[in-house]
Amino acid sequence: MDKITCIAYLLYKSSKNQDIREKAIQLLNGDVSIRDLKRNINIQANLVIAESLLKKNKIDKDQVQQFAEQFMYQEI
C-alpha cells in the first residue's frame, strides 16, 4: 500500500466526523492533497496522528486494501 492510501484509511478510521471522513475519501481519490489537509485546522490533529501511526507501522494492510476497494472511484 502506498503512503497516501494508508493515511486516507487512518484518517477515515480516526473520526466519526463526516467532514473528516469525506476528506479522507477525497485524499484517497486524489481530489485533495495532504498539503491541502494540513492547512485545514479541523483536520490537522487527525492528520498528525495518522502520519505518526503510519511511521510506527501500526496499520493492518488488509483493512487498508478493503477501504481502498470500497471508496476508490474507478474511471472507465
PDB file of N, CA and C in Angstrom:
ATOM      1  N   MET A   1       0.834  -1.185   0.000  1.00  0.00           N
ATOM      2  CA  MET A   1       0.000   0.000   0.000  1.00  0.00           C
ATOM      3  C   MET A   1       0.883   1.254   0.000  1.00  0.00           C
ATOM      4  N   ASP A   2       0.434   2.237  -0.730  1.00  0.00           N
ATOM      5  CA  ASP A   2       1.193   3.480  -0.762  1.00  0.00           C
ATOM      6  C   ASP A   2       0.842   4.365   0.435  1.00  0.00           C
ATOM      7  N   LYS A   3       1.651   5.364   0.650  1.00  0.00           N
ATOM      8  CA  LYS A   3       1.522   6.243   1.817  1.00  0.00           C
ATOM      9  C   LYS A   3       0.176   6.971   1.843  1.00  0.00           C
ATOM     10  N   ILE A   4      -0.254   7.485   0.709  1.00  0.00           N
ATOM     11  CA  ILE A   4      -1.497   8.259   0.653  1.00  0.00           C
ATOM     12  C   ILE A   4      -2.695   7.387   1.009  1.00  0.00           C
ATOM     13  N   THR A   5      -2.731   6.182   0.466  1.00  0.00           N
ATOM     14  CA  THR A   5      -3.840   5.264   0.764  1.00  0.00           C
ATOM     15  C   THR A   5      -3.881   4.937   2.252  1.00  0.00           C
ATOM     16  N   CYS A   6      -2.724   4.681   2.835  1.00  0.00           N
ATOM     17  CA  CYS A   6      -2.662   4.363   4.264  1.00  0.00           C
ATOM     18  C   CYS A   6      -3.098   5.547   5.118  1.00  0.00           C
ATOM     19  N   ILE A   7      -2.655   6.736   4.777  1.00  0.00           N
ATOM     20  CA  ILE A   7      -3.046   7.924   5.542  1.00  0.00           C
ATOM     21  C   ILE A   7      -4.543   8.176   5.394  1.00  0.00           C
ATOM     22  N   ALA A   8      -5.070   8.007   4.192  1.00  0.00           N
ATOM     23  CA  ALA A   8      -6.510   8.189   3.979  1.00  0.00           C
ATOM     24  C   ALA A   8      -7.296   7.203   4.842  1.00  0.00           C
ATOM     25  N   TYR A   9      -6.845   5.954   4.888  1.00  0.00           N
ATOM     26  CA  TYR A   9      -7.502   4.936   5.711  1.00  0.00           C
ATOM     27  C   TYR A   9      -7.465   5.326   7.194  1.00  0.00           C
ATOM     28  N   LEU A  10      -6.297   5.687   7.678  1.00  0.00           N
ATOM     29  CA  LEU A  10      -6.159   6.051   9.095  1.00  0.00           C
ATOM     30  C   LEU A  10      -6.972   7.286   9.430  1.00  0.00           C
ATOM     31  N   LEU A  11      -7.010   8.240   8.520  1.00  0.00           N
ATOM     32  CA  LEU A  11      -7.798   9.449   8.721  1.00  0.00           C
ATOM     33  C   LEU A  11      -9.283   9.109   8.785  1.00  0.00           C
ATOM     34  N   TYR A  12      -9.726   8.239   7.912  1.00  0.00           N
ATOM     35  CA  TYR A  12     -11.132   7.816   7.880  1.00  0.00           C
ATOM     36  C   TYR A  12     -11.513   7.114   9.181  1.00  0.00           C
ATOM     37  N   LYS A  13     -10.652   6.240   9.646  1.00  0.00           N
ATOM     38  CA  LYS A  13     -10.935   5.465  10.856  1.00  0.00           C
ATOM     39  C   LYS A  13     -10.755   6.270  12.140  1.00  0.00           C
ATOM     40  N   SER A  14     -10.088   7.422  12.061  1.00  0.00           N
ATOM     41  CA  SER A  14      -9.767   8.178  13.267  1.00  0.00           C
ATOM     42  C   SER A  14     -10.931   8.991  13.804  1.00  0.00           C
ATOM     43  N   SER A  15     -11.995   9.116  13.025  1.00  0.00           N
ATOM     44  CA  SER A  15     -13.061  10.012  13.443  1.00  0.00           C
ATOM     45  C   SER A  15     -14.423   9.538  12.952  1.00  0.00           C
ATOM     46  N   LYS A  16     -15.432   9.896  13.697  1.00  0.00           N
ATOM     47  CA  LYS A  16     -16.820   9.677  13.278  1.00  0.00           C
ATOM     48  C   LYS A  16     -17.362  10.908  12.560  1.00  0.00           C
ATOM     49  N   ASN A  17     -16.573  11.985  12.552  1.00  0.00           N
ATOM     50  CA  ASN A  17     -16.954  13.238  11.913  1.00  0.00           C
ATOM     51  C   ASN A  17     -17.069  13.031  10.402  1.00  0.00           C
ATOM     52  N   GLN A  18     -18.241  13.311   9.853  1.00  0.00           N
ATOM     53  CA  GLN A  18     -18.486  13.070   8.434  1.00  0.00           C
ATOM     54  C   GLN A  18     -17.581  13.913   7.544  1.00  0.00           C
ATOM     55  N   ASP A  19     -17.271  15.135   7.951  1.00  0.00           N
ATOM     56  CA  ASP A  19     -16.403  16.002   7.148  1.00  0.00           C
ATOM     57  C   ASP A  19     -15.000  15.400   7.025  1.00  0.00           C
ATOM     58  N   ILE A  20     -14.475  14.891   8.122  1.00  0.00           N
ATOM     59  CA  ILE A  20     -13.148  14.269   8.098  1.00  0.00           C
ATOM     60  C   ILE A  20     -13.170  13.017   7.241  1.00  0.00           C
ATOM     61  N   ARG A  21     -14.220  12.227   7.348  1.00  0.00           N
ATOM     62  CA  ARG A  21     -14.321  11.015   6.529  1.00  0.00           C
ATOM     63  C   ARG A  21     -14.406  11.351   5.040  1.00  0.00           C
ATOM     64  N   GLU A  22     -15.133  12.408   4.714  1.00  0.00           N
ATOM     65  CA  GLU A  22     -15.225  12.822   3.310  1.00  0.00           C
ATOM     66  C   GLU A  22     -13.869  13.289   2.784  1.00  0.00           C
ATOM     67  N   LYS A  23     -13.119  14.016   3.619  1.00  0.00           N
ATOM     68  CA  LYS A  23     -11.782  14.465   3.220  1.00  0.00           C
ATOM     69  C   LYS A  23     -10.850  13.269   3.011  1.00  0.00           C
ATOM     70  N   ALA A  24     -10.995  12.239   3.835  1.00  0.00           N
ATOM     71  CA  ALA A  24     -10.176  11.030   3.684  1.00  0.00           C
ATOM     72  C   ALA A  24     -10.465  10.355   2.347  1.00  0.00           C
ATOM     73  N   ILE A  25     -11.724  10.291   1.972  1.00  0.00           N
ATOM     74  CA  ILE A  25     -12.098   9.689   0.689  1.00  0.00           C
ATOM     75  C   ILE A  25     -11.593  10.556  -0.464  1.00  0.00           C
ATOM     76  N   GLN A  26     -11.668  11.871  -0.308  1.00  0.00           N
ATOM     77  CA  GLN A  26     -11.146  12.769  -1.331  1.00  0.00           C
ATOM     78  C   GLN A  26      -9.634  12.597  -1.475  1.00  0.00           C
ATOM     79  N   LEU A  27      -8.932  12.417  -0.365  1.00  0.00           N
ATOM     80  CA  LEU A  27      -7.491  12.179  -0.403  1.00  0.00           C
ATOM     81  C   LEU A  27      -7.196  10.875  -1.139  1.00  0.00           C
ATOM     82  N   LEU A  28      -7.936   9.843  -0.841  1.00  0.00           N
ATOM     83  CA  LEU A  28      -7.760   8.545  -1.495  1.00  0.00           C
ATOM     84  C   LEU A  28      -7.900   8.665  -3.007  1.00  0.00           C
ATOM     85  N   ASN A  29      -8.849   9.472  -3.445  1.00  0.00           N
ATOM     86  CA  ASN A  29      -9.135   9.603  -4.871  1.00  0.00           C
ATOM     87  C   ASN A  29      -8.359  10.720  -5.559  1.00  0.00           C
ATOM     88  N   GLY A  30      -7.499  11.398  -4.829  1.00  0.00           N
ATOM     89  CA  GLY A  30      -6.667  12.432  -5.430  1.00  0.00           C
ATOM     90  C   GLY A  30      -7.362  13.767  -5.627  1.00  0.00           C
ATOM     91  N   ASP A  31      -8.516  13.946  -5.019  1.00  0.00           N
ATOM     92  CA  ASP A  31      -9.259  15.200  -5.152  1.00  0.00           C
ATOM     93  C   ASP A  31      -8.714  16.289  -4.239  1.00  0.00           C
ATOM     94  N   VAL A  32      -7.941  15.896  -3.237  1.00  0.00           N
ATOM     95  CA  VAL A  32      -7.330  16.828  -2.290  1.00  0.00           C
ATOM     96  C   VAL A  32      -5.952  16.269  -1.930  1.00  0.00           C
ATOM     97  N   SER A  33      -5.009  17.149  -1.606  1.00  0.00           N
ATOM     98  CA  SER A  33      -3.660  16.695  -1.262  1.00  0.00           C
ATOM     99  C   SER A  33      -3.437  16.746   0.248  1.00  0.00           C
ATOM    100  N   ILE A  34      -2.377  16.101   0.697  1.00  0.00           N
ATOM    101  CA  ILE A  34      -2.023  16.159   2.118  1.00  0.00           C
ATOM    102  C   ILE A  34      -1.697  17.592   2.494  1.00  0.00           C
ATOM    103  N   ARG A  35      -1.049  18.306   1.613  1.00  0.00           N
ATOM    104  CA  ARG A  35      -0.718  19.719   1.863  1.00  0.00           C
ATOM    105  C   ARG A  35      -1.991  20.534   2.105  1.00  0.00           C
ATOM    106  N   ASP A  36      -3.027  20.287   1.300  1.00  0.00           N
ATOM    107  CA  ASP A  36      -4.303  20.982   1.493  1.00  0.00           C
ATOM    108  C   ASP A  36      -4.911  20.645   2.855  1.00  0.00           C
ATOM    109  N   LEU A  37      -4.834  19.384   3.226  1.00  0.00           N
ATOM    110  CA  LEU A  37      -5.414  18.959   4.500  1.00  0.00           C
ATOM    111  C   LEU A  37      -4.657  19.546   5.687  1.00  0.00           C
ATOM    112  N   LYS A  38      -3.341  19.718   5.541  1.00  0.00           N
ATOM    113  CA  LYS A  38      -2.558  20.295   6.632  1.00  0.00           C
ATOM    114  C   LYS A  38      -2.945  21.750   6.894  1.00  0.00           C
ATOM    115  N   ARG A  39      -3.504  22.402   5.904  1.00  0.00           N
ATOM    116  CA  ARG A  39      -3.956  23.786   6.067  1.00  0.00           C
ATOM    117  C   ARG A  39      -5.326  23.880   6.746  1.00  0.00           C
ATOM    118  N   ASN A  40      -6.034  22.763   6.805  1.00  0.00           N
ATOM    119  CA  ASN A  40      -7.374  22.733   7.391  1.00  0.00           C
ATOM    120  C   ASN A  40      -7.257  22.465   8.899  1.00  0.00           C
ATOM    121  N   ILE A  41      -7.581  23.463   9.703  1.00  0.00           N
ATOM    122  CA  ILE A  41      -7.432  23.365  11.160  1.00  0.00           C
ATOM    123  C   ILE A  41      -8.265  22.230  11.740  1.00  0.00           C
ATOM    124  N   ASN A  42      -9.414  21.940  11.158  1.00  0.00           N
ATOM    125  CA  ASN A  42     -10.292  20.899  11.683  1.00  0.00           C
ATOM    126  C   ASN A  42      -9.721  19.495  11.496  1.00  0.00           C
ATOM    127  N   ILE A  43      -8.786  19.343  10.581  1.00  0.00           N
ATOM    128  CA  ILE A  43      -8.255  18.019  10.260  1.00  0.00           C
ATOM    129  C   ILE A  43      -6.809  17.840  10.698  1.00  0.00           C
ATOM    130  N   GLN A  44      -6.121  18.910  11.012  1.00  0.00           N
ATOM    131  CA  GLN A  44      -4.689  18.853  11.325  1.00  0.00           C
ATOM    132  C   GLN A  44      -4.343  17.807  12.376  1.00  0.00           C
ATOM    133  N   ALA A  45      -5.052  17.800  13.488  1.00  0.00           N
ATOM    134  CA  ALA A  45      -4.713  16.875  14.578  1.00  0.00           C
ATOM    135  C   ALA A  45      -4.869  15.424  14.131  1.00  0.00           C
ATOM    136  N   ASN A  46      -5.956  15.127  13.440  1.00  0.00           N
ATOM    137  CA  ASN A  46      -6.180  13.771  12.963  1.00  0.00           C
ATOM    138  C   ASN A  46      -5.113  13.362  11.948  1.00  0.00           C
ATOM    139  N   LEU A  47      -4.694  14.297  11.120  1.00  0.00           N
ATOM    140  CA  LEU A  47      -3.681  14.021  10.111  1.00  0.00           C
ATOM    141  C   LEU A  47      -2.326  13.720  10.760  1.00  0.00           C
ATOM    142  N   VAL A  48      -1.967  14.467  11.788  1.00  0.00           N
ATOM    143  CA  VAL A  48      -0.711  14.227  12.508  1.00  0.00           C
ATOM    144  C   VAL A  48      -0.722  12.842  13.149  1.00  0.00           C
ATOM    145  N   ILE A  49      -1.835  12.470  13.737  1.00  0.00           N
ATOM    146  CA  ILE A  49      -1.955  11.142  14.356  1.00  0.00           C
ATOM    147  C   ILE A  49      -1.838  10.053  13.298  1.00  0.00           C
ATOM    148  N   ALA A  50      -2.506  10.237  12.166  1.00  0.00           N
ATOM    149  CA  ALA A  50      -2.448   9.242  11.089  1.00  0.00           C
ATOM    150  C   ALA A  50      -1.024   9.077  10.580  1.00  0.00           C
ATOM    151  N   GLU A  51      -0.311  10.183  10.397  1.00  0.00           N
ATOM    152  CA  GLU A  51       1.070  10.107   9.912  1.00  0.00           C
ATOM    153  C   GLU A  51       1.981   9.414  10.923  1.00  0.00           C
ATOM    154  N   SER A  52       1.775   9.678  12.208  1.00  0.00           N
ATOM    155  CA  SER A  52       2.624   9.042  13.219  1.00  0.00           C
ATOM    156  C   SER A  52       2.334   7.543  13.320  1.00  0.00           C
ATOM    157  N   LEU A  53       1.073   7.153  13.197  1.00  0.00           N
ATOM    158  CA  LEU A  53       0.744   5.724  13.209  1.00  0.00           C
ATOM    159  C   LEU A  53       1.350   5.017  11.997  1.00  0.00           C
ATOM    160  N   LEU A  54       1.369   5.692  10.864  1.00  0.00           N
ATOM    161  CA  LEU A  54       1.963   5.108   9.666  1.00  0.00           C
ATOM    162  C   LEU A  54       3.466   4.913   9.851  1.00  0.00           C
ATOM    163  N   LYS A  55       4.128   5.899  10.454  1.00  0.00           N
ATOM    164  CA  LYS A  55       5.570   5.789  10.699  1.00  0.00           C
ATOM    165  C   LYS A  55       5.889   4.644  11.654  1.00  0.00           C
ATOM    166  N   LYS A  56       4.995   4.402  12.612  1.00  0.00           N
ATOM    167  CA  LYS A  56       5.200   3.323  13.577  1.00  0.00           C
ATOM    168  C   LYS A  56       4.766   1.972  13.014  1.00  0.00           C
ATOM    169  N   ASN A  57       4.240   1.999  11.785  1.00  0.00           N
ATOM    170  CA  ASN A  57       3.777   0.793  11.092  1.00  0.00           C
ATOM    171  C   ASN A  57       2.647   0.099  11.848  1.00  0.00           C
ATOM    172  N   LYS A  58       1.784   0.880  12.466  1.00  0.00           N
ATOM    173  CA  LYS A  58       0.647   0.350  13.215  1.00  0.00           C
ATOM    174  C   LYS A  58      -0.588   0.341  12.311  1.00  0.00           C
ATOM    175  N   ILE A  59      -0.541  -0.510  11.289  1.00  0.00           N
ATOM    176  CA  ILE A  59      -1.614  -0.500  10.307  1.00  0.00           C
ATOM    177  C   ILE A  59      -1.816  -1.909   9.752  1.00  0.00           C
ATOM    178  N   ASP A  60      -3.064  -2.269   9.555  1.00  0.00           N
ATOM    179  CA  ASP A  60      -3.413  -3.571   9.002  1.00  0.00           C
ATOM    180  C   ASP A  60      -3.598  -3.416   7.494  1.00  0.00           C
ATOM    181  N   LYS A  61      -2.687  -3.978   6.726  1.00  0.00           N
ATOM    182  CA  LYS A  61      -2.686  -3.816   5.268  1.00  0.00           C
ATOM    183  C   LYS A  61      -3.961  -4.370   4.626  1.00  0.00           C
ATOM    184  N   ASP A  62      -4.523  -5.435   5.189  1.00  0.00           N
ATOM    185  CA  ASP A  62      -5.749  -5.998   4.628  1.00  0.00           C
ATOM    186  C   ASP A  62      -6.920  -5.033   4.774  1.00  0.00           C
ATOM    187  N   GLN A  63      -7.002  -4.370   5.925  1.00  0.00           N
ATOM    188  CA  GLN A  63      -8.073  -3.401   6.128  1.00  0.00           C
ATOM    189  C   GLN A  63      -7.892  -2.180   5.238  1.00  0.00           C
ATOM    190  N   VAL A  64      -6.649  -1.781   4.997  1.00  0.00           N
ATOM    191  CA  VAL A  64      -6.377  -0.668   4.090  1.00  0.00           C
ATOM    192  C   VAL A  64      -6.845  -1.031   2.683  1.00  0.00           C
ATOM    193  N   GLN A  65      -6.564  -2.246   2.261  1.00  0.00           N
ATOM    194  CA  GLN A  65      -6.976  -2.683   0.939  1.00  0.00           C
ATOM    195  C   GLN A  65      -8.492  -2.700   0.814  1.00  0.00           C
ATOM    196  N   GLN A  66      -9.182  -3.178   1.829  1.00  0.00           N
ATOM    197  CA  GLN A  66     -10.648  -3.189   1.808  1.00  0.00           C
ATOM    198  C   GLN A  66     -11.204  -1.778   1.739  1.00  0.00           C
ATOM    199  N   PHE A  67     -10.600  -0.867   2.491  1.00  0.00           N
ATOM    200  CA  PHE A  67     -11.008   0.539   2.462  1.00  0.00           C
ATOM    201  C   PHE A  67     -10.847   1.107   1.054  1.00  0.00           C
ATOM    202  N   ALA A  68      -9.701   0.851   0.435  1.00  0.00           N
ATOM    203  CA  ALA A  68      -9.432   1.367  -0.911  1.00  0.00           C
ATOM    204  C   ALA A  68     -10.419   0.788  -1.920  1.00  0.00           C
ATOM    205  N   GLU A  69     -10.693  -0.494  -1.814  1.00  0.00           N
ATOM    206  CA  GLU A  69     -11.642  -1.127  -2.735  1.00  0.00           C
ATOM    207  C   GLU A  69     -13.044  -0.545  -2.574  1.00  0.00           C
ATOM    208  N   GLN A  70     -13.401  -0.204  -1.354  1.00  0.00           N
ATOM    209  CA  GLN A  70     -14.746   0.297  -1.096  1.00  0.00           C
ATOM    210  C   GLN A  70     -14.922   1.743  -1.555  1.00  0.00           C
ATOM    211  N   PHE A  71     -13.903   2.574  -1.384  1.00  0.00           N
ATOM    212  CA  PHE A  71     -14.083   4.009  -1.597  1.00  0.00           C
ATOM    213  C   PHE A  71     -13.363   4.607  -2.817  1.00  0.00           C
ATOM    214  N   MET A  72     -12.499   3.843  -3.449  1.00  0.00           N
ATOM    215  CA  MET A  72     -11.777   4.406  -4.588  1.00  0.00           C
ATOM    216  C   MET A  72     -12.688   4.396  -5.816  1.00  0.00           C
ATOM    217  N   TYR A  73     -12.782   5.542  -6.434  1.00  0.00           N
ATOM    218  CA  TYR A  73     -13.591   5.670  -7.644  1.00  0.00           C
ATOM    219  C   TYR A  73     -12.810   5.137  -8.826  1.00  0.00           C
ATOM    220  N   GLN A  74     -13.494   4.480  -9.706  1.00  0.00           N
ATOM    221  CA  GLN A  74     -12.852   3.961 -10.898  1.00  0.00           C
ATOM    222  C   GLN A  74     -13.386   4.737 -12.101  1.00  0.00           C
ATOM    223  N   GLU A  75     -12.485   5.229 -12.902  1.00  0.00           N
ATOM    224  CA  GLU A  75     -12.879   5.917 -14.118  1.00  0.00           C
ATOM    225  C   GLU A  75     -12.757   4.961 -15.281  1.00  0.00           C
ATOM    226  N   ILE A  76     -13.809   4.885 -16.060  1.00  0.00           N
ATOM    227  CA  ILE A  76     -13.816   3.960 -17.195  1.00  0.00           C
ATOM    228  C   ILE A  76     -13.891   4.733 -18.484  1.00  0.00           C
TER     229      ILE A  76
END
